[in-house]
C-alpha cells in the first residue's frame, strides 16, 4: 500500500508545474519572472517545485504579469493542497 501512496504523491502536480510550462511556452526564464514580480529567485524556485504556496497577493501578481486570472492560480493551489492531504490519508 505504501508504494501506491508514493505513486500517488509522485503524480500530484503542483501549480508550479503549470507555471513552468507557461514560462517555457512564452520563452521566459524563472529569474526574469522573479525580477518582474520583485521576488527573490528562491521564492519562484520554491513555487515551481510546490514548496511555496500561491496566495492571493501572488496570484494577483501572476495575473498582472502573465494574463492568467488570479482565480486560476488560487484554484490550482487549492486543488493541489487538497490532493496532498488526500494522498496522506491513503495509507
Protein backbone atom coordinates (compact mmCIF):
# COMPACT_ATOMS: atom_id res chain seq x y z
CA UNK A 1 0.00 0.00 0.00
CA UNK A 2 2.90 2.34 0.74
CA UNK A 3 4.05 2.05 -2.89
CA UNK A 4 0.57 3.14 -4.05
CA UNK A 5 0.77 6.17 -1.77
CA UNK A 6 4.22 7.08 -3.09
CA UNK A 7 2.99 6.73 -6.67
CA UNK A 8 0.01 8.99 -5.97
CA UNK A 9 2.29 11.63 -4.44
CA UNK A 10 4.67 11.41 -7.39
CA UNK A 11 1.91 12.20 -9.91
CA UNK A 12 0.33 15.08 -7.99
CA UNK A 13 1.20 18.19 -9.93
CA UNK A 14 1.86 21.47 -8.10
CA UNK A 15 0.71 24.76 -9.61
CA UNK A 16 4.37 25.44 -10.24
CA UNK A 17 4.32 22.78 -12.97
CA UNK A 18 1.70 24.80 -14.79
CA UNK A 19 3.68 27.97 -14.20
CA UNK A 20 6.87 26.39 -15.58
CA UNK A 21 5.01 25.09 -18.64
CA UNK A 22 3.64 28.56 -19.31
CA UNK A 23 7.04 30.19 -18.85
CA UNK A 24 8.51 27.70 -21.31
CA UNK A 25 5.68 28.42 -23.75
CA UNK A 26 6.26 32.19 -23.67
CA UNK A 27 10.04 31.87 -23.55
CA UNK A 28 10.52 33.47 -20.14
CA UNK A 29 13.08 32.25 -17.61
CA UNK A 30 12.14 31.94 -13.95
CA UNK A 31 14.74 34.55 -12.98
CA UNK A 32 13.07 37.04 -15.32
CA UNK A 33 9.71 36.33 -13.71
CA UNK A 34 11.25 36.79 -10.26
CA UNK A 35 12.64 40.15 -11.33
CA UNK A 36 9.34 41.27 -12.88
CA UNK A 37 7.43 40.28 -9.74
CA UNK A 38 10.07 41.79 -7.43
CA UNK A 39 10.50 38.45 -5.68
CA UNK A 40 13.62 36.50 -4.75
CA UNK A 41 14.61 33.75 -7.16
CA UNK A 42 14.29 31.24 -4.32
CA UNK A 43 10.61 32.09 -3.92
CA UNK A 44 9.97 31.36 -7.60
CA UNK A 45 12.01 28.15 -7.42
CA UNK A 46 10.00 27.06 -4.37
CA UNK A 47 6.78 27.88 -6.15
CA UNK A 48 7.74 25.86 -9.21
CA UNK A 49 8.61 22.77 -7.15
CA UNK A 50 5.49 23.05 -4.97
CA UNK A 51 7.15 24.07 -1.72
CA UNK A 52 5.88 27.66 -1.80
CA UNK A 53 2.11 28.21 -1.85
CA UNK A 54 0.33 30.67 -4.11
CA UNK A 55 -1.57 33.17 -2.00
CA UNK A 56 -4.00 35.85 -3.21
CA UNK A 57 -1.28 38.51 -3.48
CA UNK A 58 0.99 36.30 -5.57
CA UNK A 59 -1.94 35.14 -7.71
CA UNK A 60 -2.72 38.78 -8.49
CA UNK A 61 0.90 39.45 -9.42
CA UNK A 62 0.91 36.41 -11.70
CA UNK A 63 -2.31 37.61 -13.32
CA UNK A 64 -0.85 41.06 -13.92
CA UNK A 65 2.35 39.67 -15.41
CA UNK A 66 1.13 36.59 -17.27
CA UNK A 67 -2.51 37.49 -18.04
CA UNK A 68 -3.74 34.27 -16.42
CA UNK A 69 -6.59 35.01 -13.99
CA UNK A 70 -5.73 35.03 -10.31
CA UNK A 71 -8.73 32.74 -9.72
CA UNK A 72 -6.99 30.09 -11.84
CA UNK A 73 -3.88 30.21 -9.63
CA UNK A 74 -5.89 30.20 -6.39
CA UNK A 75 -7.99 27.24 -7.54
CA UNK A 76 -4.93 25.38 -8.82
CA UNK A 77 -3.22 25.87 -5.44
CA UNK A 78 -6.32 24.78 -3.52
CA UNK A 79 -6.70 21.62 -5.61
CA UNK A 80 -3.01 20.78 -5.22
CA UNK A 81 -3.04 21.16 -1.44
CA UNK A 82 -6.24 19.09 -1.22
CA UNK A 83 -4.68 16.33 -3.33
CA UNK A 84 -1.68 16.30 -0.98
CA UNK A 85 -3.95 15.98 2.05
CA UNK A 86 -5.95 13.21 0.42
CA UNK A 87 -2.81 11.29 -0.55
CA UNK A 88 -1.52 11.47 3.04
CA UNK A 89 -4.77 9.94 4.26
CA UNK A 90 -4.48 6.98 1.88
CA UNK A 91 -2.28 4.70 3.94
